[in-house]
Amino acid sequence: MTRQAWLGLYSRDIDITDSDNVRSFAAAAGVPDPEGLFELSKGGEARQQLIDNTTEALESKCFGAPWFTVDHPVTGRREKFFGHDRMEMLGWVIGQEYKGHNPPQE
């Protein structure tokens, strides 16, 4: 769904804050229950998660997007990654192969 929104914003100049557009992004991404997702996003739990994520980003000195923090599975150290070009390195740290931003469907 994020990819659909990104493409809408940067390729077609679509307002990604419009709820009808968000529904179309969800449909294009194959989200099974877009209305349930909307209801979930309106609740206090989602708001608290946003607050927690923002606090964590500020505490980790986040300076851009995309920003990823992961716990290294061997050392336990909190690793930080900035930028799409670091996805392969992030995958290496967590033991997952990075197959690109648009991998073939299996």
PDB file of N, CA and C in Angstrom:
ATOM      1  N   MET A   1       0.825  -1.176   0.000  1.00  0.00           N
ATOM      2  CA  MET A   1       0.000   0.000   0.000  1.00  0.00           C
ATOM      3  C   MET A   1       0.877   1.251   0.000  1.00  0.00           C
ATOM      4  N   THR A   2       1.990   1.184   0.707  1.00  0.00           N
ATOM      5  CA  THR A   2       2.903   2.321   0.732  1.00  0.00           C
ATOM      6  C   THR A   2       3.423   2.613  -0.663  1.00  0.00           C
ATOM      7  N   ARG A   3       3.749   1.545  -1.381  1.00  0.00           N
ATOM      8  CA  ARG A   3       4.236   1.739  -2.767  1.00  0.00           C
ATOM      9  C   ARG A   3       3.166   2.393  -3.622  1.00  0.00           C
ATOM     10  N   GLN A   4       1.915   1.970  -3.466  1.00  0.00           N
ATOM     11  CA  GLN A   4       0.827   2.567  -4.241  1.00  0.00           C
ATOM     12  C   GLN A   4       0.701   4.058  -3.935  1.00  0.00           C
ATOM     13  N   ALA A   5       0.786   4.410  -2.656  1.00  0.00           N
ATOM     14  CA  ALA A   5       0.700   5.816  -2.264  1.00  0.00           C
ATOM     15  C   ALA A   5       1.882   6.603  -2.815  1.00  0.00           C
ATOM     16  N   TRP A   6       3.064   6.033  -2.735  1.00  0.00           N
ATOM     17  CA  TRP A   6       4.262   6.699  -3.238  1.00  0.00           C
ATOM     18  C   TRP A   6       4.126   6.959  -4.739  1.00  0.00           C
ATOM     19  N   LEU A   7       3.705   5.936  -5.467  1.00  0.00           N
ATOM     20  CA  LEU A   7       3.517   6.106  -6.910  1.00  0.00           C
ATOM     21  C   LEU A   7       2.440   7.152  -7.208  1.00  0.00           C
ATOM     22  N   GLY A   8       1.349   7.123  -6.435  1.00  0.00           N
ATOM     23  CA  GLY A   8       0.289   8.105  -6.627  1.00  0.00           C
ATOM     24  C   GLY A   8       0.778   9.516  -6.398  1.00  0.00           C
ATOM     25  N   LEU A   9       1.530   9.720  -5.333  1.00  0.00           N
ATOM     26  CA  LEU A   9       2.015  11.052  -5.001  1.00  0.00           C
ATOM     27  C   LEU A   9       3.047  11.551  -6.003  1.00  0.00           C
ATOM     28  N   TYR A  10       4.051  10.733  -6.291  1.00  0.00           N
ATOM     29  CA  TYR A  10       5.175  11.206  -7.095  1.00  0.00           C
ATOM     30  C   TYR A  10       5.030  10.977  -8.592  1.00  0.00           C
ATOM     31  N   SER A  11       4.180  10.059  -9.003  1.00  0.00           N
ATOM     32  CA  SER A  11       4.025   9.805 -10.442  1.00  0.00           C
ATOM     33  C   SER A  11       2.760  10.422 -11.020  1.00  0.00           C
ATOM     34  N   ARG A  12       1.712  10.527 -10.171  1.00  0.00           N
ATOM     35  CA  ARG A  12       0.434  11.009 -10.708  1.00  0.00           C
ATOM     36  C   ARG A  12      -0.117  12.221  -9.948  1.00  0.00           C
ATOM     37  N   ASP A  13       0.659  12.760  -9.008  1.00  0.00           N
ATOM     38  CA  ASP A  13       0.275  13.940  -8.239  1.00  0.00           C
ATOM     39  C   ASP A  13      -1.098  13.773  -7.580  1.00  0.00           C
ATOM     40  N   ILE A  14      -1.315  12.603  -6.984  1.00  0.00           N
ATOM     41  CA  ILE A  14      -2.575  12.286  -6.310  1.00  0.00           C
ATOM     42  C   ILE A  14      -2.473  12.698  -4.849  1.00  0.00           C
ATOM     43  N   ASP A  15      -3.536  13.256  -4.311  1.00  0.00           N
ATOM     44  CA  ASP A  15      -3.594  13.660  -2.910  1.00  0.00           C
ATOM     45  C   ASP A  15      -3.658  12.402  -2.045  1.00  0.00           C
ATOM     46  N   ILE A  16      -2.563  12.095  -1.360  1.00  0.00           N
ATOM     47  CA  ILE A  16      -2.527  10.862  -0.562  1.00  0.00           C
ATOM     48  C   ILE A  16      -3.199  11.024   0.798  1.00  0.00           C
ATOM     49  N   THR A  17      -3.724  12.209   1.093  1.00  0.00           N
ATOM     50  CA  THR A  17      -4.464  12.402   2.345  1.00  0.00           C
ATOM     51  C   THR A  17      -5.965  12.225   2.149  1.00  0.00           C
ATOM     52  N   ASP A  18      -6.406  12.102   0.917  1.00  0.00           N
ATOM     53  CA  ASP A  18      -7.825  11.922   0.612  1.00  0.00           C
ATOM     54  C   ASP A  18      -8.225  10.466   0.868  1.00  0.00           C
ATOM     55  N   SER A  19      -9.252  10.262   1.671  1.00  0.00           N
ATOM     56  CA  SER A  19      -9.623   8.896   2.071  1.00  0.00           C
ATOM     57  C   SER A  19     -10.035   8.025   0.884  1.00  0.00           C
ATOM     58  N   ASP A  20     -10.683   8.584  -0.125  1.00  0.00           N
ATOM     59  CA  ASP A  20     -11.039   7.779  -1.301  1.00  0.00           C
ATOM     60  C   ASP A  20      -9.792   7.317  -2.048  1.00  0.00           C
ATOM     61  N   ASN A  21      -8.788   8.183  -2.115  1.00  0.00           N
ATOM     62  CA  ASN A  21      -7.532   7.786  -2.756  1.00  0.00           C
ATOM     63  C   ASN A  21      -6.825   6.701  -1.948  1.00  0.00           C
ATOM     64  N   VAL A  22      -6.850   6.836  -0.639  1.00  0.00           N
ATOM     65  CA  VAL A  22      -6.226   5.821   0.215  1.00  0.00           C
ATOM     66  C   VAL A  22      -6.937   4.481   0.022  1.00  0.00           C
ATOM     67  N   ARG A  23      -8.245   4.510  -0.113  1.00  0.00           N
ATOM     68  CA  ARG A  23      -8.993   3.269  -0.370  1.00  0.00           C
ATOM     69  C   ARG A  23      -8.562   2.647  -1.701  1.00  0.00           C
ATOM     70  N   SER A  24      -8.334   3.483  -2.709  1.00  0.00           N
ATOM     71  CA  SER A  24      -7.909   2.933  -4.002  1.00  0.00           C
ATOM     72  C   SER A  24      -6.488   2.371  -3.913  1.00  0.00           C
ATOM     73  N   PHE A  25      -5.618   2.997  -3.112  1.00  0.00           N
ATOM     74  CA  PHE A  25      -4.278   2.444  -2.904  1.00  0.00           C
ATOM     75  C   PHE A  25      -4.382   1.081  -2.231  1.00  0.00           C
ATOM     76  N   ALA A  26      -5.257   0.990  -1.234  1.00  0.00           N
ATOM     77  CA  ALA A  26      -5.445  -0.265  -0.510  1.00  0.00           C
ATOM     78  C   ALA A  26      -5.958  -1.354  -1.447  1.00  0.00           C
ATOM     79  N   ALA A  27      -6.914  -1.003  -2.291  1.00  0.00           N
ATOM     80  CA  ALA A  27      -7.456  -1.983  -3.240  1.00  0.00           C
ATOM     81  C   ALA A  27      -6.376  -2.437  -4.216  1.00  0.00           C
ATOM     82  N   ALA A  28      -5.591  -1.486  -4.731  1.00  0.00           N
ATOM     83  CA  ALA A  28      -4.530  -1.833  -5.683  1.00  0.00           C
ATOM     84  C   ALA A  28      -3.456  -2.700  -5.040  1.00  0.00           C
ATOM     85  N   ALA A  29      -3.243  -2.512  -3.744  1.00  0.00           N
ATOM     86  CA  ALA A  29      -2.233  -3.293  -3.032  1.00  0.00           C
ATOM     87  C   ALA A  29      -2.780  -4.636  -2.549  1.00  0.00           C
ATOM     88  N   GLY A  30      -4.078  -4.867  -2.717  1.00  0.00           N
ATOM     89  CA  GLY A  30      -4.662  -6.132  -2.302  1.00  0.00           C
ATOM     90  C   GLY A  30      -4.916  -6.235  -0.808  1.00  0.00           C
ATOM     91  N   VAL A  31      -5.090  -5.093  -0.136  1.00  0.00           N
ATOM     92  CA  VAL A  31      -5.408  -5.117   1.298  1.00  0.00           C
ATOM     93  C   VAL A  31      -6.768  -5.794   1.458  1.00  0.00           C
ATOM     94  N   PRO A  32      -6.855  -6.856   2.260  1.00  0.00           N
ATOM     95  CA  PRO A  32      -8.095  -7.635   2.326  1.00  0.00           C
ATOM     96  C   PRO A  32      -9.285  -6.910   2.958  1.00  0.00           C
ATOM     97  N   ASP A  33      -9.041  -5.987   3.876  1.00  0.00           N
ATOM     98  CA  ASP A  33     -10.144  -5.309   4.561  1.00  0.00           C
ATOM     99  C   ASP A  33      -9.813  -3.825   4.748  1.00  0.00           C
ATOM    100  N   PRO A  34      -9.890  -3.046   3.655  1.00  0.00           N
ATOM    101  CA  PRO A  34      -9.541  -1.621   3.754  1.00  0.00           C
ATOM    102  C   PRO A  34     -10.373  -0.871   4.793  1.00  0.00           C
ATOM    103  N   GLU A  35     -11.657  -1.176   4.904  1.00  0.00           N
ATOM    104  CA  GLU A  35     -12.508  -0.468   5.868  1.00  0.00           C
ATOM    105  C   GLU A  35     -12.089  -0.788   7.301  1.00  0.00           C
ATOM    106  N   GLY A  36     -11.712  -2.028   7.548  1.00  0.00           N
ATOM    107  CA  GLY A  36     -11.221  -2.407   8.866  1.00  0.00           C
ATOM    108  C   GLY A  36      -9.925  -1.672   9.195  1.00  0.00           C
ATOM    109  N   LEU A  37      -9.080  -1.503   8.176  1.00  0.00           N
ATOM    110  CA  LEU A  37      -7.842  -0.756   8.361  1.00  0.00           C
ATOM    111  C   LEU A  37      -8.136   0.698   8.718  1.00  0.00           C
ATOM    112  N   PHE A  38      -9.121   1.296   8.042  1.00  0.00           N
ATOM    113  CA  PHE A  38      -9.517   2.672   8.347  1.00  0.00           C
ATOM    114  C   PHE A  38     -10.014   2.786   9.784  1.00  0.00           C
ATOM    115  N   GLU A  39     -10.847   1.855  10.205  1.00  0.00           N
ATOM    116  CA  GLU A  39     -11.367   1.891  11.578  1.00  0.00           C
ATOM    117  C   GLU A  39     -10.240   1.749  12.594  1.00  0.00           C
ATOM    118  N   LEU A  40      -9.308   0.846  12.306  1.00  0.00           N
ATOM    119  CA  LEU A  40      -8.165   0.651  13.191  1.00  0.00           C
ATOM    120  C   LEU A  40      -7.335   1.932  13.295  1.00  0.00           C
ATOM    121  N   SER A  41      -7.171   2.627  12.175  1.00  0.00           N
ATOM    122  CA  SER A  41      -6.346   3.836  12.162  1.00  0.00           C
ATOM    123  C   SER A  41      -6.955   4.984  12.959  1.00  0.00           C
ATOM    124  N   LYS A  42      -8.241   4.936  13.204  1.00  0.00           N
ATOM    125  CA  LYS A  42      -8.920   6.001  13.944  1.00  0.00           C
ATOM    126  C   LYS A  42      -8.881   5.800  15.448  1.00  0.00           C
ATOM    127  N   GLY A  43      -8.475   4.628  15.884  1.00  0.00           N
ATOM    128  CA  GLY A  43      -8.516   4.305  17.312  1.00  0.00           C
ATOM    129  C   GLY A  43      -7.332   4.834  18.091  1.00  0.00           C
ATOM    130  N   GLY A  44      -7.461   4.813  19.390  1.00  0.00           N
ATOM    131  CA  GLY A  44      -6.419   5.286  20.285  1.00  0.00           C
ATOM    132  C   GLY A  44      -5.146   4.462  20.224  1.00  0.00           C
ATOM    133  N   GLU A  45      -5.291   3.175  19.932  1.00  0.00           N
ATOM    134  CA  GLU A  45      -4.114   2.305  19.857  1.00  0.00           C
ATOM    135  C   GLU A  45      -3.194   2.742  18.718  1.00  0.00           C
ATOM    136  N   ALA A  46      -3.777   3.068  17.568  1.00  0.00           N
ATOM    137  CA  ALA A  46      -2.977   3.533  16.427  1.00  0.00           C
ATOM    138  C   ALA A  46      -2.312   4.864  16.747  1.00  0.00           C
ATOM    139  N   ARG A  47      -3.039   5.764  17.405  1.00  0.00           N
ATOM    140  CA  ARG A  47      -2.466   7.062  17.792  1.00  0.00           C
ATOM    141  C   ARG A  47      -1.287   6.865  18.743  1.00  0.00           C
ATOM    142  N   GLN A  48      -1.449   5.974  19.714  1.00  0.00           N
ATOM    143  CA  GLN A  48      -0.368   5.718  20.668  1.00  0.00           C
ATOM    144  C   GLN A  48       0.833   5.109  19.969  1.00  0.00           C
ATOM    145  N   GLN A  49       0.591   4.214  19.010  1.00  0.00           N
ATOM    146  CA  GLN A  49       1.707   3.609  18.273  1.00  0.00           C
ATOM    147  C   GLN A  49       2.468   4.673  17.494  1.00  0.00           C
ATOM    148  N   LEU A  50       1.755   5.622  16.900  1.00  0.00           N
ATOM    149  CA  LEU A  50       2.404   6.724  16.191  1.00  0.00           C
ATOM    150  C   LEU A  50       3.260   7.558  17.155  1.00  0.00           C
ATOM    151  N   ILE A  51       2.726   7.856  18.329  1.00  0.00           N
ATOM    152  CA  ILE A  51       3.474   8.613  19.338  1.00  0.00           C
ATOM    153  C   ILE A  51       4.730   7.833  19.749  1.00  0.00           C
ATOM    154  N   ASP A  52       4.574   6.536  19.996  1.00  0.00           N
ATOM    155  CA  ASP A  52       5.714   5.702  20.397  1.00  0.00           C
ATOM    156  C   ASP A  52       6.772   5.643  19.294  1.00  0.00           C
ATOM    157  N   ASN A  53       6.329   5.474  18.054  1.00  0.00           N
ATOM    158  CA  ASN A  53       7.276   5.404  16.939  1.00  0.00           C
ATOM    159  C   ASN A  53       8.013   6.720  16.749  1.00  0.00           C
ATOM    160  N   THR A  54       7.291   7.830  16.889  1.00  0.00           N
ATOM    161  CA  THR A  54       7.912   9.152  16.759  1.00  0.00           C
ATOM    162  C   THR A  54       8.927   9.377  17.867  1.00  0.00           C
ATOM    163  N   THR A  55       8.577   8.993  19.075  1.00  0.00           N
ATOM    164  CA  THR A  55       9.500   9.126  20.205  1.00  0.00           C
ATOM    165  C   THR A  55      10.759   8.303  19.966  1.00  0.00           C
ATOM    166  N   GLU A  56      10.590   7.065  19.520  1.00  0.00           N
ATOM    167  CA  GLU A  56      11.739   6.206  19.231  1.00  0.00           C
ATOM    168  C   GLU A  56      12.612   6.817  18.134  1.00  0.00           C
ATOM    169  N   ALA A  57      11.986   7.370  17.091  1.00  0.00           N
ATOM    170  CA  ALA A  57      12.742   7.991  15.999  1.00  0.00           C
ATOM    171  C   ALA A  57      13.569   9.165  16.517  1.00  0.00           C
ATOM    172  N   LEU A  58      12.966   9.999  17.325  1.00  0.00           N
ATOM    173  CA  LEU A  58      13.687  11.154  17.871  1.00  0.00           C
ATOM    174  C   LEU A  58      14.826  10.717  18.788  1.00  0.00           C
ATOM    175  N   GLU A  59      14.579   9.724  19.608  1.00  0.00           N
ATOM    176  CA  GLU A  59      15.613   9.235  20.521  1.00  0.00           C
ATOM    177  C   GLU A  59      16.777   8.582  19.781  1.00  0.00           C
ATOM    178  N   SER A  60      16.503   7.983  18.623  1.00  0.00           N
ATOM    179  CA  SER A  60      17.573   7.334  17.859  1.00  0.00           C
ATOM    180  C   SER A  60      18.254   8.300  16.890  1.00  0.00           C
ATOM    181  N   LYS A  61      17.885   9.577  16.972  1.00  0.00           N
ATOM    182  CA  LYS A  61      18.489  10.632  16.155  1.00  0.00           C
ATOM    183  C   LYS A  61      18.169  10.469  14.668  1.00  0.00           C
ATOM    184  N   CYS A  62      16.981   9.962  14.384  1.00  0.00           N
ATOM    185  CA  CYS A  62      16.511   9.801  13.007  1.00  0.00           C
ATOM    186  C   CYS A  62      16.610  11.139  12.279  1.00  0.00           C
ATOM    187  N   PHE A  63      17.134  11.111  11.062  1.00  0.00           N
ATOM    188  CA  PHE A  63      17.277  12.349  10.309  1.00  0.00           C
ATOM    189  C   PHE A  63      16.697  12.289   8.909  1.00  0.00           C
ATOM    190  N   GLY A  64      15.936  11.269   8.598  1.00  0.00           N
ATOM    191  CA  GLY A  64      15.329  11.188   7.281  1.00  0.00           C
ATOM    192  C   GLY A  64      14.507   9.927   7.129  1.00  0.00           C
ATOM    193  N   ALA A  65      13.983   9.757   5.941  1.00  0.00           N
ATOM    194  CA  ALA A  65      13.166   8.589   5.647  1.00  0.00           C
ATOM    195  C   ALA A  65      13.612   8.008   4.305  1.00  0.00           C
ATOM    196  N   PRO A  66      13.616   6.713   4.184  1.00  0.00           N
ATOM    197  CA  PRO A  66      13.218   5.748   5.208  1.00  0.00           C
ATOM    198  C   PRO A  66      14.312   5.551   6.258  1.00  0.00           C
ATOM    199  N   TRP A  67      13.878   5.310   7.480  1.00  0.00           N
ATOM    200  CA  TRP A  67      14.774   5.091   8.623  1.00  0.00           C
ATOM    201  C   TRP A  67      14.371   3.784   9.276  1.00  0.00           C
ATOM    202  N   PHE A  68      15.326   2.919   9.492  1.00  0.00           N
ATOM    203  CA  PHE A  68      15.045   1.613  10.090  1.00  0.00           C
ATOM    204  C   PHE A  68      15.942   1.408  11.297  1.00  0.00           C
ATOM    205  N   THR A  69      15.400   0.859  12.345  1.00  0.00           N
ATOM    206  CA  THR A  69      16.199   0.419  13.488  1.00  0.00           C
ATOM    207  C   THR A  69      15.860  -1.038  13.750  1.00  0.00           C
ATOM    208  N   VAL A  70      16.888  -1.840  13.931  1.00  0.00           N
ATOM    209  CA  VAL A  70      16.683  -3.266  14.208  1.00  0.00           C
ATOM    210  C   VAL A  70      17.664  -3.699  15.291  1.00  0.00           C
ATOM    211  N   ASP A  71      17.274  -4.701  16.049  1.00  0.00           N
ATOM    212  CA  ASP A  71      18.172  -5.300  17.029  1.00  0.00           C
ATOM    213  C   ASP A  71      18.976  -6.382  16.324  1.00  0.00           C
ATOM    214  N   HIS A  72      20.295  -6.257  16.377  1.00  0.00           N
ATOM    215  CA  HIS A  72      21.166  -7.247  15.751  1.00  0.00           C
ATOM    216  C   HIS A  72      20.955  -8.578  16.461  1.00  0.00           C
ATOM    217  N   PRO A  73      20.643  -9.646  15.718  1.00  0.00           N
ATOM    218  CA  PRO A  73      20.297 -10.927  16.358  1.00  0.00           C
ATOM    219  C   PRO A  73      21.449 -11.580  17.120  1.00  0.00           C
ATOM    220  N   VAL A  74      22.688 -11.226  16.814  1.00  0.00           N
ATOM    221  CA  VAL A  74      23.826 -11.842  17.494  1.00  0.00           C
ATOM    222  C   VAL A  74      24.343 -10.948  18.618  1.00  0.00           C
ATOM    223  N   THR A  75      24.577  -9.684  18.319  1.00  0.00           N
ATOM    224  CA  THR A  75      25.174  -8.783  19.305  1.00  0.00           C
ATOM    225  C   THR A  75      24.138  -8.128  20.210  1.00  0.00           C
ATOM    226  N   GLY A  76      22.871  -8.081  19.750  1.00  0.00           N
ATOM    227  CA  GLY A  76      21.826  -7.402  20.507  1.00  0.00           C
ATOM    228  C   GLY A  76      21.885  -5.885  20.367  1.00  0.00           C
ATOM    229  N   ARG A  77      22.875  -5.409  19.649  1.00  0.00           N
ATOM    230  CA  ARG A  77      23.052  -3.970  19.466  1.00  0.00           C
ATOM    231  C   ARG A  77      21.960  -3.413  18.550  1.00  0.00           C
ATOM    232  N   ARG A  78      21.492  -2.218  18.869  1.00  0.00           N
ATOM    233  CA  ARG A  78      20.474  -1.546  18.051  1.00  0.00           C
ATOM    234  C   ARG A  78      21.171  -0.935  16.842  1.00  0.00           C
ATOM    235  N   GLU A  79      20.860  -1.433  15.647  1.00  0.00           N
ATOM    236  CA  GLU A  79      21.467  -0.954  14.404  1.00  0.00           C
ATOM    237  C   GLU A  79      20.515   0.020  13.729  1.00  0.00           C
ATOM    238  N   LYS A  80      21.064   1.063  13.113  1.00  0.00           N
ATOM    239  CA  LYS A  80      20.265   2.090  12.439  1.00  0.00           C
ATOM    240  C   LYS A  80      20.646   2.139  10.967  1.00  0.00           C
ATOM    241  N   PHE A  81      19.625   2.286  10.121  1.00  0.00           N
ATOM    242  CA  PHE A  81      19.839   2.359   8.683  1.00  0.00           C
ATOM    243  C   PHE A  81      19.019   3.500   8.105  1.00  0.00           C
ATOM    244  N   PHE A  82      19.653   4.293   7.256  1.00  0.00           N
ATOM    245  CA  PHE A  82      18.955   5.382   6.582  1.00  0.00           C
ATOM    246  C   PHE A  82      19.068   5.177   5.083  1.00  0.00           C
ATOM    247  N   GLY A  83      17.949   5.245   4.413  1.00  0.00           N
ATOM    248  CA  GLY A  83      17.935   5.220   2.957  1.00  0.00           C
ATOM    249  C   GLY A  83      17.621   3.867   2.362  1.00  0.00           C
ATOM    250  N   HIS A  84      16.965   3.920   1.230  1.00  0.00           N
ATOM    251  CA  HIS A  84      16.582   2.705   0.512  1.00  0.00           C
ATOM    252  C   HIS A  84      17.810   1.914   0.074  1.00  0.00           C
ATOM    253  N   ASP A  85      18.920   2.620  -0.178  1.00  0.00           N
ATOM    254  CA  ASP A  85      20.124   1.944  -0.636  1.00  0.00           C
ATOM    255  C   ASP A  85      20.788   1.103   0.453  1.00  0.00           C
ATOM    256  N   ARG A  86      20.255   1.125   1.666  1.00  0.00           N
ATOM    257  CA  ARG A  86      20.792   0.319   2.760  1.00  0.00           C
ATOM    258  C   ARG A  86      19.958  -0.937   3.031  1.00  0.00           C
ATOM    259  N   MET A  87      18.968  -1.192   2.218  1.00  0.00           N
ATOM    260  CA  MET A  87      18.093  -2.344   2.448  1.00  0.00           C
ATOM    261  C   MET A  87      18.843  -3.668   2.381  1.00  0.00           C
ATOM    262  N   GLU A  88      19.769  -3.787   1.451  1.00  0.00           N
ATOM    263  CA  GLU A  88      20.527  -5.034   1.344  1.00  0.00           C
ATOM    264  C   GLU A  88      21.351  -5.260   2.614  1.00  0.00           C
ATOM    265  N   MET A  89      21.954  -4.201   3.150  1.00  0.00           N
ATOM    266  CA  MET A  89      22.738  -4.307   4.374  1.00  0.00           C
ATOM    267  C   MET A  89      21.836  -4.665   5.555  1.00  0.00           C
ATOM    268  N   LEU A  90      20.667  -4.057   5.625  1.00  0.00           N
ATOM    269  CA  LEU A  90      19.711  -4.366   6.686  1.00  0.00           C
ATOM    270  C   LEU A  90      19.332  -5.845   6.631  1.00  0.00           C
ATOM    271  N   GLY A  91      19.055  -6.338   5.426  1.00  0.00           N
ATOM    272  CA  GLY A  91      18.730  -7.751   5.260  1.00  0.00           C
ATOM    273  C   GLY A  91      19.843  -8.667   5.739  1.00  0.00           C
ATOM    274  N   TRP A  92      21.077  -8.283   5.450  1.00  0.00           N
ATOM    275  CA  TRP A  92      22.223  -9.066   5.898  1.00  0.00           C
ATOM    276  C   TRP A  92      22.255  -9.143   7.423  1.00  0.00           C
ATOM    277  N   VAL A  93      22.017  -8.013   8.104  1.00  0.00           N
ATOM    278  CA  VAL A  93      22.053  -7.976   9.566  1.00  0.00           C
ATOM    279  C   VAL A  93      20.990  -8.874  10.176  1.00  0.00           C
ATOM    280  N   ILE A  94      19.790  -8.875   9.609  1.00  0.00           N
ATOM    281  CA  ILE A  94      18.710  -9.677  10.191  1.00  0.00           C
ATOM    282  C   ILE A  94      18.608 -11.083   9.604  1.00  0.00           C
ATOM    283  N   GLY A  95      19.529 -11.407   8.673  1.00  0.00           N
ATOM    284  CA  GLY A  95      19.562 -12.754   8.123  1.00  0.00           C
ATOM    285  C   GLY A  95      18.507 -13.032   7.065  1.00  0.00           C
ATOM    286  N   GLN A  96      18.109 -11.983   6.345  1.00  0.00           N
ATOM    287  CA  GLN A  96      17.113 -12.145   5.281  1.00  0.00           C
ATOM    288  C   GLN A  96      17.688 -11.613   3.977  1.00  0.00           C
ATOM    289  N   GLU A  97      17.472 -12.342   2.897  1.00  0.00           N
ATOM    290  CA  GLU A  97      17.931 -11.879   1.596  1.00  0.00           C
ATOM    291  C   GLU A  97      17.041 -10.734   1.102  1.00  0.00           C
ATOM    292  N   TYR A  98      17.677  -9.659   0.667  1.00  0.00           N
ATOM    293  CA  TYR A  98      16.934  -8.550   0.073  1.00  0.00           C
ATOM    294  C   TYR A  98      16.789  -8.845  -1.414  1.00  0.00           C
ATOM    295  N   LYS A  99      15.541  -8.893  -1.881  1.00  0.00           N
ATOM    296  CA  LYS A  99      15.270  -9.274  -3.266  1.00  0.00           C
ATOM    297  C   LYS A  99      14.896  -8.098  -4.139  1.00  0.00           C
ATOM    298  N   GLY A 100      15.155  -6.879  -3.663  1.00  0.00           N
ATOM    299  CA  GLY A 100      14.859  -5.698  -4.460  1.00  0.00           C
ATOM    300  C   GLY A 100      13.535  -5.082  -4.070  1.00  0.00           C
ATOM    301  N   HIS A 101      13.316  -3.876  -4.578  1.00  0.00           N
ATOM    302  CA  HIS A 101      12.097  -3.146  -4.204  1.00  0.00           C
ATOM    303  C   HIS A 101      10.853  -3.654  -4.914  1.00  0.00           C
ATOM    304  N   ASN A 102      11.031  -4.449  -5.938  1.00  0.00           N
ATOM    305  CA  ASN A 102       9.883  -4.989  -6.660  1.00  0.00           C
ATOM    306  C   ASN A 102      10.192  -6.433  -7.050  1.00  0.00           C
ATOM    307  N   PRO A 103      10.258  -7.350  -6.046  1.00  0.00           N
ATOM    308  CA  PRO A 103      10.689  -8.713  -6.334  1.00  0.00           C
ATOM    309  C   PRO A 103       9.671  -9.478  -7.163  1.00  0.00           C
ATOM    310  N   PRO A 104      10.156 -10.475  -7.907  1.00  0.00           N
ATOM    311  CA  PRO A 104       9.215 -11.312  -8.669  1.00  0.00           C
ATOM    312  C   PRO A 104       8.271 -12.031  -7.729  1.00  0.00           C
ATOM    313  N   GLN A 105       7.037 -12.163  -8.137  1.00  0.00           N
ATOM    314  CA  GLN A 105       6.042 -12.872  -7.332  1.00  0.00           C
ATOM    315  C   GLN A 105       6.259 -14.374  -7.464  1.00  0.00           C
ATOM    316  N   GLU A 106       6.231 -15.044  -6.328  1.00  0.00           N
ATOM    317  CA  GLU A 106       6.447 -16.504  -6.340  1.00  0.00           C
ATOM    318  C   GLU A 106       5.154 -17.245  -6.319  1.00  0.00           C
TER     319      GLU A 106
END
